[in-house]
């Protein structure tokens, strides 16, 4: 998947490293939905996970976000941009 033109690191307003949450059995979906609601159009929410967060991607796309996800080493960095 090619990096989208909207993915500008300067527009990342929130970054959540969800690995500790997931390791303790907490799913970050509700937190991501709540926090991303404060974003303006074009602003980006980044989440770092040990796997592709497919259910989260589906919910965020349904809520009006575009996304880009890529593997960096053993981590997945997924960015959601508010349309």
Protein backbone atom coordinates (compact mmCIF):
# COMPACT_ATOMS: atom_id res chain seq x y z
CA UNK A 1 0.00 0.00 0.00
CA UNK A 2 1.42 3.38 -1.02
CA UNK A 3 1.70 6.14 1.57
CA UNK A 4 -1.27 8.51 1.08
CA UNK A 5 -0.73 12.21 0.41
CA UNK A 6 -2.63 13.15 3.59
CA UNK A 7 -0.11 11.35 5.83
CA UNK A 8 1.96 14.29 7.02
CA UNK A 9 3.68 13.59 10.36
CA UNK A 10 3.08 17.23 11.38
CA UNK A 11 -0.67 16.51 11.32
CA UNK A 12 -0.45 13.67 13.87
CA UNK A 13 -2.24 15.19 16.87
CA UNK A 14 -2.64 12.07 19.05
CA UNK A 15 -0.42 8.99 19.29
CA UNK A 16 -1.41 5.99 21.39
CA UNK A 17 0.99 3.13 22.00
CA UNK A 18 -1.65 0.47 22.64
CA UNK A 19 0.79 -2.39 23.24
CA UNK A 20 0.80 -2.05 27.06
CA UNK A 21 -3.01 -1.80 27.11
CA UNK A 22 -3.41 -4.88 24.94
CA UNK A 23 -0.86 -6.81 27.01
CA UNK A 24 -2.97 -6.13 30.10
CA UNK A 25 -6.18 -7.26 28.38
CA UNK A 26 -7.61 -3.80 27.66
CA UNK A 27 -8.87 -3.13 24.14
CA UNK A 28 -8.28 0.52 23.14
CA UNK A 29 -11.17 0.83 20.67
CA UNK A 30 -13.44 2.95 22.89
CA UNK A 31 -10.52 5.21 23.85
CA UNK A 32 -9.59 5.73 20.20
CA UNK A 33 -13.19 6.51 19.21
CA UNK A 34 -13.57 8.97 22.09
CA UNK A 35 -10.25 10.75 21.56
CA UNK A 36 -10.54 10.90 17.77
CA UNK A 37 -13.87 12.73 18.06
CA UNK A 38 -11.92 15.87 19.02
CA UNK A 39 -9.91 15.92 15.79
CA UNK A 40 -10.51 18.52 13.10
CA UNK A 41 -10.61 17.58 9.42
CA UNK A 42 -7.13 16.62 8.24
CA UNK A 43 -5.82 15.85 11.72
CA UNK A 44 -4.40 12.39 12.38
CA UNK A 45 -4.70 9.85 15.20
CA UNK A 46 -1.88 7.29 15.28
CA UNK A 47 -2.08 3.99 17.13
CA UNK A 48 0.79 1.53 17.61
CA UNK A 49 -0.13 -2.14 17.98
CA UNK A 50 1.59 -5.54 17.71
CA UNK A 51 -0.84 -6.59 14.93
CA UNK A 52 -3.04 -4.90 12.30
CA UNK A 53 -6.10 -3.54 14.19
CA UNK A 54 -8.67 -4.67 11.62
CA UNK A 55 -11.87 -4.35 13.72
CA UNK A 56 -10.77 -0.84 14.74
CA UNK A 57 -10.02 0.08 11.14
CA UNK A 58 -13.49 -1.07 10.08
CA UNK A 59 -15.19 0.98 12.83
CA UNK A 60 -13.12 4.11 12.15
CA UNK A 61 -13.78 3.93 8.40
CA UNK A 62 -17.51 3.57 9.14
CA UNK A 63 -17.21 6.68 11.36
CA UNK A 64 -15.83 8.74 8.45
CA UNK A 65 -12.06 8.33 8.73
CA UNK A 66 -9.50 7.29 6.13
CA UNK A 67 -6.62 5.12 7.31
CA UNK A 68 -3.14 3.93 6.48
CA UNK A 69 -1.40 1.07 8.26
CA UNK A 70 2.15 -0.17 7.87
CA UNK A 71 4.41 -2.58 9.66
CA UNK A 72 7.55 -1.06 11.19
CA UNK A 73 9.69 -3.85 12.57
CA UNK A 74 7.45 -5.86 14.90
CA UNK A 75 4.95 -3.00 15.33
CA UNK A 76 2.04 -1.80 13.25
CA UNK A 77 1.53 1.95 12.98
CA UNK A 78 -2.00 2.82 11.91
CA UNK A 79 -3.02 6.39 11.18
CA UNK A 80 -6.60 7.60 10.96
CA UNK A 81 -7.35 10.95 9.36
CA UNK A 82 -10.61 12.77 9.86
CA UNK A 83 -12.23 13.64 6.53
